[in-house]
């Protein structure tokens, strides 16, 4: 009786293995044959959320719903900071900061460069990898820069609209190159 049970168990094992192998033989056929080659990129922001600033100053796509904070600093000039911050599961941060000045004591270009200098000097290990001034949408003063240290890469586009500096920032862990995500974030941004 025990011998018959063992033979039946072995036969059952062989039958299950045979069916498993038979079903796995054409398993690749379940893959869609019309899928894109690996080198083609789909729209990074396709599953991102459309977001419009409640005060109606801009709209953009964020990977998740952003958190909002406001701060006011009073020195020679009053500055109001409106910050919108979204963090992905991998720790990449997307941020828009609106800095509204009560009056401008310096040129817009000088203030844009000061933002880059302040961000670079915030950590002794930071180094400026790229700096390029230009015009946003052909009309507004802007400055693009990338700051790196051993832990993070900070990509930034700073734009001036009248008395408000708009700073788009992405902070990611350094080994990851997220330039394409920042470009998509930047391209989705629109001043209203």
Foldseek 3Di string as FASTA:
>chain_A
DVVVVVVVVVVVVVVVVVVVCVVVVVVVVVDDPPDDPPVDDDQPQPQFDWDADPVRFKIFTDNDFWDWDWDWDDDPWIWIWIKTWDADPQGKIKMKIKIFTPDDPDDPVVVQVVVVVVVQVVDPQKDKDDWDWDADVRHWTKIWTWIDGQFWIKTWIWTDDPRMIMIIIIIDGPVDDCPVVSVSRVVRMDTD
